[in-house]
Amino acid sequence: MLNFRLDLGKMLKGLFTKGQTVEPVAAPVNFANASPFRRQKEQNDPIRNGIFIGLGIVLLVFFGSMIAVLLMHAPSL
Protein backbone atom coordinates (compact mmCIF):
# COMPACT_ATOMS: atom_id res chain seq x y z
CA MET A 1 0.00 0.00 0.00
CA LEU A 2 1.25 3.46 -0.80
CA ASN A 3 2.02 5.74 2.10
CA PHE A 4 1.76 9.47 1.40
CA ARG A 5 3.09 11.95 3.90
CA LEU A 6 2.42 15.62 3.38
CA ASP A 7 4.66 18.21 4.91
CA LEU A 8 2.83 21.52 4.75
CA GLY A 9 5.88 23.44 5.87
CA LYS A 10 7.84 22.34 2.82
CA MET A 11 4.88 22.90 0.52
CA LEU A 12 4.21 26.43 1.76
CA LYS A 13 7.88 27.41 2.05
CA GLY A 14 8.07 28.33 -1.62
CA LEU A 15 4.78 30.22 -1.53
CA PHE A 16 5.40 32.49 1.44
CA THR A 17 8.81 33.90 2.10
CA LYS A 18 9.72 36.58 4.60
CA GLY A 19 11.12 38.92 1.98
CA GLN A 20 7.91 39.31 0.00
CA THR A 21 5.60 42.23 0.58
CA VAL A 22 2.14 42.59 -0.81
CA GLU A 23 1.02 46.00 -1.97
CA PRO A 24 -2.69 46.77 -1.95
CA VAL A 25 -4.24 47.32 -5.33
CA ALA A 26 -6.86 50.02 -5.78
CA ALA A 27 -10.20 48.72 -6.97
CA PRO A 28 -11.44 50.00 -10.33
CA VAL A 29 -14.00 52.79 -10.32
CA ASN A 30 -16.79 50.54 -11.63
CA PHE A 31 -15.93 47.63 -9.32
CA ALA A 32 -19.40 47.60 -7.72
CA ASN A 33 -20.92 46.81 -11.13
CA ALA A 34 -18.33 44.18 -12.04
CA SER A 35 -20.66 41.20 -11.69
CA PRO A 36 -20.29 38.63 -14.49
CA PHE A 37 -24.06 38.09 -14.44
CA ARG A 38 -26.60 40.26 -16.20
CA ARG A 39 -28.73 42.40 -13.95
CA GLN A 40 -32.23 41.03 -13.73
CA LYS A 41 -34.73 43.65 -14.76
CA GLU A 42 -38.13 43.94 -13.19
CA GLN A 43 -40.32 41.57 -15.16
CA ASN A 44 -43.98 40.82 -14.83
CA ASP A 45 -44.05 37.03 -14.95
CA PRO A 46 -47.63 35.73 -15.34
CA ILE A 47 -46.67 32.14 -14.46
CA ARG A 48 -45.09 33.21 -11.17
CA ASN A 49 -48.13 35.33 -10.34
CA GLY A 50 -50.41 32.39 -11.11
CA ILE A 51 -48.40 30.09 -8.87
CA PHE A 52 -48.61 32.58 -5.99
CA ILE A 53 -52.36 33.04 -6.47
CA GLY A 54 -52.86 29.26 -6.54
CA LEU A 55 -50.70 28.86 -3.44
CA GLY A 56 -52.77 31.49 -1.64
CA ILE A 57 -56.02 29.70 -2.52
CA VAL A 58 -54.61 26.34 -1.37
CA LEU A 59 -53.46 27.87 1.93
CA LEU A 60 -56.88 29.46 2.53
CA VAL A 61 -58.62 26.12 1.91
CA PHE A 62 -56.15 24.32 4.17
CA PHE A 63 -56.58 26.77 7.06
CA GLY A 64 -60.34 26.76 6.57
CA SER A 65 -60.41 22.98 6.83
CA MET A 66 -58.24 23.09 9.96
CA ILE A 67 -60.67 25.53 11.57
CA ALA A 68 -63.59 23.29 10.58
CA VAL A 69 -61.88 20.28 12.18
CA LEU A 70 -61.20 22.24 15.38
CA LEU A 71 -64.85 23.29 15.60
CA MET A 72 -66.14 19.72 15.27
CA HIS A 73 -67.37 17.94 18.34
CA ALA A 74 -68.65 14.46 18.95
CA PRO A 75 -72.44 14.02 18.96
CA SER A 76 -74.05 13.60 22.36
CA LEU A 77 -75.29 10.12 23.21
PDB file of N, CA and C in Angstrom:
ATOM      1  N   MET A   1       0.851  -1.170   0.000  1.00  0.00           N
ATOM      2  CA  MET A   1       0.000   0.000   0.000  1.00  0.00           C
ATOM      3  C   MET A   1       0.897   1.234   0.000  1.00  0.00           C
ATOM      4  N   LEU A   2       0.477   2.240  -0.720  1.00  0.00           N
ATOM      5  CA  LEU A   2       1.251   3.464  -0.798  1.00  0.00           C
ATOM      6  C   LEU A   2       1.037   4.297   0.456  1.00  0.00           C
ATOM      7  N   ASN A   3       2.103   4.910   0.902  1.00  0.00           N
ATOM      8  CA  ASN A   3       2.021   5.741   2.095  1.00  0.00           C
ATOM      9  C   ASN A   3       2.430   7.157   1.703  1.00  0.00           C
ATOM     10  N   PHE A   4       1.488   8.083   1.745  1.00  0.00           N
ATOM     11  CA  PHE A   4       1.762   9.468   1.397  1.00  0.00           C
ATOM     12  C   PHE A   4       1.865  10.281   2.673  1.00  0.00           C
ATOM     13  N   ARG A   5       2.912  11.071   2.745  1.00  0.00           N
ATOM     14  CA  ARG A   5       3.088  11.950   3.901  1.00  0.00           C
ATOM     15  C   ARG A   5       3.248  13.363   3.375  1.00  0.00           C
ATOM     16  N   LEU A   6       2.392  14.236   3.830  1.00  0.00           N
ATOM     17  CA  LEU A   6       2.423  15.620   3.378  1.00  0.00           C
ATOM     18  C   LEU A   6       3.088  16.470   4.444  1.00  0.00           C
ATOM     19  N   ASP A   7       4.020  17.277   4.012  1.00  0.00           N
ATOM     20  CA  ASP A   7       4.662  18.215   4.914  1.00  0.00           C
ATOM     21  C   ASP A   7       4.278  19.615   4.454  1.00  0.00           C
ATOM     22  N   LEU A   8       3.336  20.218   5.164  1.00  0.00           N
ATOM     23  CA  LEU A   8       2.831  21.519   4.750  1.00  0.00           C
ATOM     24  C   LEU A   8       3.908  22.584   4.828  1.00  0.00           C
ATOM     25  N   GLY A   9       4.819  22.454   5.760  1.00  0.00           N
ATOM     26  CA  GLY A   9       5.885  23.441   5.873  1.00  0.00           C
ATOM     27  C   GLY A   9       6.722  23.509   4.606  1.00  0.00           C
ATOM     28  N   LYS A  10       7.060  22.365   4.049  1.00  0.00           N
ATOM     29  CA  LYS A  10       7.845  22.341   2.823  1.00  0.00           C
ATOM     30  C   LYS A  10       7.022  22.835   1.638  1.00  0.00           C
ATOM     31  N   MET A  11       5.731  22.507   1.637  1.00  0.00           N
ATOM     32  CA  MET A  11       4.879  22.904   0.520  1.00  0.00           C
ATOM     33  C   MET A  11       4.664  24.419   0.498  1.00  0.00           C
ATOM     34  N   LEU A  12       4.500  25.008   1.683  1.00  0.00           N
ATOM     35  CA  LEU A  12       4.212  26.426   1.762  1.00  0.00           C
ATOM     36  C   LEU A  12       5.470  27.285   1.783  1.00  0.00           C
ATOM     37  N   LYS A  13       6.626  26.665   1.945  1.00  0.00           N
ATOM     38  CA  LYS A  13       7.878  27.408   2.048  1.00  0.00           C
ATOM     39  C   LYS A  13       8.126  28.216   0.775  1.00  0.00           C
ATOM     40  N   GLY A  14       7.858  27.626  -0.371  1.00  0.00           N
ATOM     41  CA  GLY A  14       8.069  28.333  -1.621  1.00  0.00           C
ATOM     42  C   GLY A  14       7.023  29.399  -1.887  1.00  0.00           C
ATOM     43  N   LEU A  15       5.845  29.261  -1.291  1.00  0.00           N
ATOM     44  CA  LEU A  15       4.775  30.220  -1.534  1.00  0.00           C
ATOM     45  C   LEU A  15       4.935  31.500  -0.723  1.00  0.00           C
ATOM     46  N   PHE A  16       5.311  31.349   0.544  1.00  0.00           N
ATOM     47  CA  PHE A  16       5.397  32.495   1.438  1.00  0.00           C
ATOM     48  C   PHE A  16       6.818  32.603   1.962  1.00  0.00           C
ATOM     49  N   THR A  17       7.483  33.638   1.570  1.00  0.00           N
ATOM     50  CA  THR A  17       8.814  33.895   2.103  1.00  0.00           C
ATOM     51  C   THR A  17       8.772  35.205   2.858  1.00  0.00           C
ATOM     52  N   LYS A  18       9.727  35.398   3.743  1.00  0.00           N
ATOM     53  CA  LYS A  18       9.718  36.584   4.603  1.00  0.00           C
ATOM     54  C   LYS A  18      10.045  37.851   3.828  1.00  0.00           C
ATOM     55  N   GLY A  19      10.712  37.749   2.719  1.00  0.00           N
ATOM     56  CA  GLY A  19      11.124  38.924   1.977  1.00  0.00           C
ATOM     57  C   GLY A  19      10.039  39.524   1.109  1.00  0.00           C
ATOM     58  N   GLN A  20       8.954  38.810   0.887  1.00  0.00           N
ATOM     59  CA  GLN A  20       7.907  39.308   0.001  1.00  0.00           C
ATOM     60  C   GLN A  20       6.990  40.265   0.739  1.00  0.00           C
ATOM     61  N   THR A  21       6.605  41.318   0.045  1.00  0.00           N
ATOM     62  CA  THR A  21       5.599  42.232   0.575  1.00  0.00           C
ATOM     63  C   THR A  21       4.473  42.317  -0.442  1.00  0.00           C
ATOM     64  N   VAL A  22       3.311  42.497   0.056  1.00  0.00           N
ATOM     65  CA  VAL A  22       2.140  42.592  -0.810  1.00  0.00           C
ATOM     66  C   VAL A  22       1.633  44.015  -0.755  1.00  0.00           C
ATOM     67  N   GLU A  23       1.528  44.643  -1.909  1.00  0.00           N
ATOM     68  CA  GLU A  23       1.023  46.003  -1.970  1.00  0.00           C
ATOM     69  C   GLU A  23      -0.458  45.971  -2.326  1.00  0.00           C
ATOM     70  N   PRO A  24      -1.255  46.750  -1.620  1.00  0.00           N
ATOM     71  CA  PRO A  24      -2.688  46.766  -1.947  1.00  0.00           C
ATOM     72  C   PRO A  24      -2.916  47.380  -3.315  1.00  0.00           C
ATOM     73  N   VAL A  25      -3.896  46.844  -3.997  1.00  0.00           N
ATOM     74  CA  VAL A  25      -4.238  47.320  -5.331  1.00  0.00           C
ATOM     75  C   VAL A  25      -5.563  48.059  -5.228  1.00  0.00           C
ATOM     76  N   ALA A  26      -5.625  49.234  -5.813  1.00  0.00           N
ATOM     77  CA  ALA A  26      -6.861  50.022  -5.777  1.00  0.00           C
ATOM     78  C   ALA A  26      -7.898  49.353  -6.676  1.00  0.00           C
ATOM     79  N   ALA A  27      -9.117  49.308  -6.185  1.00  0.00           N
ATOM     80  CA  ALA A  27     -10.205  48.720  -6.966  1.00  0.00           C
ATOM     81  C   ALA A  27     -10.580  49.669  -8.095  1.00  0.00           C
ATOM     82  N   PRO A  28     -10.993  49.132  -9.231  1.00  0.00           N
ATOM     83  CA  PRO A  28     -11.436  49.996 -10.327  1.00  0.00           C
ATOM     84  C   PRO A  28     -12.654  50.829  -9.920  1.00  0.00           C
ATOM     85  N   VAL A  29     -12.888  51.888 -10.642  1.00  0.00           N
ATOM     86  CA  VAL A  29     -13.997  52.790 -10.316  1.00  0.00           C
ATOM     87  C   VAL A  29     -15.336  52.069 -10.409  1.00  0.00           C
ATOM     88  N   ASN A  30     -15.504  51.224 -11.432  1.00  0.00           N
ATOM     89  CA  ASN A  30     -16.785  50.540 -11.630  1.00  0.00           C
ATOM     90  C   ASN A  30     -16.772  49.146 -11.023  1.00  0.00           C
ATOM     91  N   PHE A  31     -16.062  48.952  -9.933  1.00  0.00           N
ATOM     92  CA  PHE A  31     -15.933  47.631  -9.324  1.00  0.00           C
ATOM     93  C   PHE A  31     -17.258  47.130  -8.764  1.00  0.00           C
ATOM     94  N   ALA A  32     -18.112  48.018  -8.286  1.00  0.00           N
ATOM     95  CA  ALA A  32     -19.400  47.603  -7.722  1.00  0.00           C
ATOM     96  C   ALA A  32     -20.288  46.975  -8.789  1.00  0.00           C
ATOM     97  N   ASN A  33     -20.098  47.348 -10.043  1.00  0.00           N
ATOM     98  CA  ASN A  33     -20.916  46.810 -11.126  1.00  0.00           C
ATOM     99  C   ASN A  33     -20.162  45.757 -11.924  1.00  0.00           C
ATOM    100  N   ALA A  34     -19.181  45.106 -11.308  1.00  0.00           N
ATOM    101  CA  ALA A  34     -18.330  44.178 -12.040  1.00  0.00           C
ATOM    102  C   ALA A  34     -18.839  42.745 -11.997  1.00  0.00           C
ATOM    103  N   SER A  35     -20.103  42.539 -11.750  1.00  0.00           N
ATOM    104  CA  SER A  35     -20.658  41.195 -11.691  1.00  0.00           C
ATOM    105  C   SER A  35     -20.656  40.567 -13.084  1.00  0.00           C
ATOM    106  N   PRO A  36     -20.270  39.278 -13.175  1.00  0.00           N
ATOM    107  CA  PRO A  36     -20.287  38.631 -14.487  1.00  0.00           C
ATOM    108  C   PRO A  36     -21.694  38.268 -14.954  1.00  0.00           C
ATOM    109  N   PHE A  37     -22.687  38.445 -14.093  1.00  0.00           N
ATOM    110  CA  PHE A  37     -24.059  38.095 -14.436  1.00  0.00           C
ATOM    111  C   PHE A  37     -24.825  39.348 -14.866  1.00  0.00           C
ATOM    112  N   ARG A  38     -25.754  39.144 -15.788  1.00  0.00           N
ATOM    113  CA  ARG A  38     -26.596  40.257 -16.205  1.00  0.00           C
ATOM    114  C   ARG A  38     -27.503  40.662 -15.059  1.00  0.00           C
ATOM    115  N   ARG A  39     -27.798  41.942 -14.974  1.00  0.00           N
ATOM    116  CA  ARG A  39     -28.734  42.401 -13.951  1.00  0.00           C
ATOM    117  C   ARG A  39     -30.141  42.005 -14.372  1.00  0.00           C
ATOM    118  N   GLN A  40     -30.879  41.455 -13.421  1.00  0.00           N
ATOM    119  CA  GLN A  40     -32.233  41.025 -13.730  1.00  0.00           C
ATOM    120  C   GLN A  40     -33.162  42.228 -13.638  1.00  0.00           C
ATOM    121  N   LYS A  41     -33.812  42.519 -14.720  1.00  0.00           N
ATOM    122  CA  LYS A  41     -34.731  43.649 -14.758  1.00  0.00           C
ATOM    123  C   LYS A  41     -36.061  43.223 -14.151  1.00  0.00           C
ATOM    124  N   GLU A  42     -36.797  44.218 -13.718  1.00  0.00           N
ATOM    125  CA  GLU A  42     -38.128  43.935 -13.191  1.00  0.00           C
ATOM    126  C   GLU A  42     -38.994  43.392 -14.318  1.00  0.00           C
ATOM    127  N   GLN A  43     -39.480  42.183 -14.141  1.00  0.00           N
ATOM    128  CA  GLN A  43     -40.317  41.572 -15.159  1.00  0.00           C
ATOM    129  C   GLN A  43     -41.634  41.148 -14.526  1.00  0.00           C
ATOM    130  N   ASN A  44     -42.673  41.253 -15.278  1.00  0.00           N
ATOM    131  CA  ASN A  44     -43.978  40.820 -14.826  1.00  0.00           C
ATOM    132  C   ASN A  44     -44.195  39.410 -15.362  1.00  0.00           C
ATOM    133  N   ASP A  45     -43.967  38.423 -14.524  1.00  0.00           N
ATOM    134  CA  ASP A  45     -44.052  37.031 -14.950  1.00  0.00           C
ATOM    135  C   ASP A  45     -45.441  36.485 -14.621  1.00  0.00           C
ATOM    136  N   PRO A  46     -46.265  36.201 -15.630  1.00  0.00           N
ATOM    137  CA  PRO A  46     -47.628  35.731 -15.342  1.00  0.00           C
ATOM    138  C   PRO A  46     -47.657  34.333 -14.719  1.00  0.00           C
ATOM    139  N   ILE A  47     -46.685  33.491 -15.032  1.00  0.00           N
ATOM    140  CA  ILE A  47     -46.674  32.139 -14.457  1.00  0.00           C
ATOM    141  C   ILE A  47     -46.390  32.212 -12.963  1.00  0.00           C
ATOM    142  N   ARG A  48     -45.408  33.061 -12.588  1.00  0.00           N
ATOM    143  CA  ARG A  48     -45.086  33.211 -11.170  1.00  0.00           C
ATOM    144  C   ARG A  48     -46.278  33.768 -10.411  1.00  0.00           C
ATOM    145  N   ASN A  49     -46.952  34.759 -10.996  1.00  0.00           N
ATOM    146  CA  ASN A  49     -48.127  35.332 -10.338  1.00  0.00           C
ATOM    147  C   ASN A  49     -49.223  34.286 -10.190  1.00  0.00           C
ATOM    148  N   GLY A  50     -49.410  33.446 -11.200  1.00  0.00           N
ATOM    149  CA  GLY A  50     -50.414  32.395 -11.113  1.00  0.00           C
ATOM    150  C   GLY A  50     -50.086  31.374 -10.038  1.00  0.00           C
ATOM    151  N   ILE A  51     -48.811  31.046  -9.914  1.00  0.00           N
ATOM    152  CA  ILE A  51     -48.397  30.095  -8.871  1.00  0.00           C
ATOM    153  C   ILE A  51     -48.674  30.677  -7.494  1.00  0.00           C
ATOM    154  N   PHE A  52     -48.362  31.964  -7.293  1.00  0.00           N
ATOM    155  CA  PHE A  52     -48.614  32.584  -5.988  1.00  0.00           C
ATOM    156  C   PHE A  52     -50.103  32.688  -5.685  1.00  0.00           C
ATOM    157  N   ILE A  53     -50.906  32.978  -6.681  1.00  0.00           N
ATOM    158  CA  ILE A  53     -52.357  33.038  -6.467  1.00  0.00           C
ATOM    159  C   ILE A  53     -52.895  31.652  -6.117  1.00  0.00           C
ATOM    160  N   GLY A  54     -52.439  30.627  -6.849  1.00  0.00           N
ATOM    161  CA  GLY A  54     -52.862  29.260  -6.542  1.00  0.00           C
ATOM    162  C   GLY A  54     -52.413  28.825  -5.159  1.00  0.00           C
ATOM    163  N   LEU A  55     -51.197  29.204  -4.771  1.00  0.00           N
ATOM    164  CA  LEU A  55     -50.702  28.862  -3.440  1.00  0.00           C
ATOM    165  C   LEU A  55     -51.533  29.542  -2.363  1.00  0.00           C
ATOM    166  N   GLY A  56     -51.926  30.781  -2.608  1.00  0.00           N
ATOM    167  CA  GLY A  56     -52.771  31.492  -1.642  1.00  0.00           C
ATOM    168  C   GLY A  56     -54.121  30.819  -1.481  1.00  0.00           C
ATOM    169  N   ILE A  57     -54.719  30.385  -2.587  1.00  0.00           N
ATOM    170  CA  ILE A  57     -56.016  29.700  -2.516  1.00  0.00           C
ATOM    171  C   ILE A  57     -55.892  28.381  -1.758  1.00  0.00           C
ATOM    172  N   VAL A  58     -54.820  27.626  -2.056  1.00  0.00           N
ATOM    173  CA  VAL A  58     -54.615  26.344  -1.370  1.00  0.00           C
ATOM    174  C   VAL A  58     -54.422  26.561   0.126  1.00  0.00           C
ATOM    175  N   LEU A  59     -53.660  27.598   0.506  1.00  0.00           N
ATOM    176  CA  LEU A  59     -53.462  27.871   1.932  1.00  0.00           C
ATOM    177  C   LEU A  59     -54.765  28.281   2.614  1.00  0.00           C
ATOM    178  N   LEU A  60     -55.590  29.085   1.938  1.00  0.00           N
ATOM    179  CA  LEU A  60     -56.879  29.458   2.525  1.00  0.00           C
ATOM    180  C   LEU A  60     -57.772  28.239   2.736  1.00  0.00           C
ATOM    181  N   VAL A  61     -57.819  27.339   1.764  1.00  0.00           N
ATOM    182  CA  VAL A  61     -58.625  26.118   1.905  1.00  0.00           C
ATOM    183  C   VAL A  61     -58.079  25.255   3.036  1.00  0.00           C
ATOM    184  N   PHE A  62     -56.756  25.146   3.119  1.00  0.00           N
ATOM    185  CA  PHE A  62     -56.153  24.323   4.174  1.00  0.00           C
ATOM    186  C   PHE A  62     -56.486  24.879   5.555  1.00  0.00           C
ATOM    187  N   PHE A  63     -56.287  26.188   5.747  1.00  0.00           N
ATOM    188  CA  PHE A  63     -56.578  26.767   7.056  1.00  0.00           C
ATOM    189  C   PHE A  63     -58.070  26.723   7.357  1.00  0.00           C
ATOM    190  N   GLY A  64     -58.900  26.888   6.351  1.00  0.00           N
ATOM    191  CA  GLY A  64     -60.341  26.761   6.568  1.00  0.00           C
ATOM    192  C   GLY A  64     -60.722  25.361   7.010  1.00  0.00           C
ATOM    193  N   SER A  65     -60.102  24.350   6.417  1.00  0.00           N
ATOM    194  CA  SER A  65     -60.406  22.977   6.828  1.00  0.00           C
ATOM    195  C   SER A  65     -59.883  22.693   8.232  1.00  0.00           C
ATOM    196  N   MET A  66     -58.753  23.287   8.595  1.00  0.00           N
ATOM    197  CA  MET A  66     -58.238  23.093   9.955  1.00  0.00           C
ATOM    198  C   MET A  66     -59.174  23.731  10.984  1.00  0.00           C
ATOM    199  N   ILE A  67     -59.711  24.891  10.661  1.00  0.00           N
ATOM    200  CA  ILE A  67     -60.669  25.529  11.573  1.00  0.00           C
ATOM    201  C   ILE A  67     -61.937  24.697  11.671  1.00  0.00           C
ATOM    202  N   ALA A  68     -62.388  24.138  10.562  1.00  0.00           N
ATOM    203  CA  ALA A  68     -63.587  23.293  10.580  1.00  0.00           C
ATOM    204  C   ALA A  68     -63.359  22.055  11.441  1.00  0.00           C
ATOM    205  N   VAL A  69     -62.180  21.454  11.351  1.00  0.00           N
ATOM    206  CA  VAL A  69     -61.879  20.279  12.178  1.00  0.00           C
ATOM    207  C   VAL A  69     -61.841  20.657  13.649  1.00  0.00           C
ATOM    208  N   LEU A  70     -61.270  21.816  13.969  1.00  0.00           N
ATOM    209  CA  LEU A  70     -61.204  22.235  15.375  1.00  0.00           C
ATOM    210  C   LEU A  70     -62.586  22.550  15.949  1.00  0.00           C
ATOM    211  N   LEU A  71     -63.518  22.966  15.118  1.00  0.00           N
ATOM    212  CA  LEU A  71     -64.855  23.288  15.597  1.00  0.00           C
ATOM    213  C   LEU A  71     -65.761  22.076  15.705  1.00  0.00           C
ATOM    214  N   MET A  72     -65.316  20.929  15.183  1.00  0.00           N
ATOM    215  CA  MET A  72     -66.142  19.723  15.268  1.00  0.00           C
ATOM    216  C   MET A  72     -66.157  19.191  16.703  1.00  0.00           C
ATOM    217  N   HIS A  73     -67.266  18.617  17.055  1.00  0.00           N
ATOM    218  CA  HIS A  73     -67.365  17.939  18.341  1.00  0.00           C
ATOM    219  C   HIS A  73     -68.204  16.676  18.166  1.00  0.00           C
ATOM    220  N   ALA A  74     -67.961  15.747  19.052  1.00  0.00           N
ATOM    221  CA  ALA A  74     -68.651  14.464  18.950  1.00  0.00           C
ATOM    222  C   ALA A  74     -70.124  14.661  19.299  1.00  0.00           C
ATOM    223  N   PRO A  75     -71.017  13.904  18.629  1.00  0.00           N
ATOM    224  CA  PRO A  75     -72.445  14.019  18.958  1.00  0.00           C
ATOM    225  C   PRO A  75     -72.730  13.462  20.354  1.00  0.00           C
ATOM    226  N   SER A  76     -73.691  14.071  21.009  1.00  0.00           N
ATOM    227  CA  SER A  76     -74.046  13.597  22.357  1.00  0.00           C
ATOM    228  C   SER A  76     -74.835  12.298  22.253  1.00  0.00           C
ATOM    229  N   LEU A  77     -74.607  11.429  23.214  1.00  0.00           N
ATOM    230  CA  LEU A  77     -75.293  10.122  23.210  1.00  0.00           C
ATOM    231  C   LEU A  77     -76.478  10.091  24.103  1.00  0.00           C
TER     232      LEU A  77
END
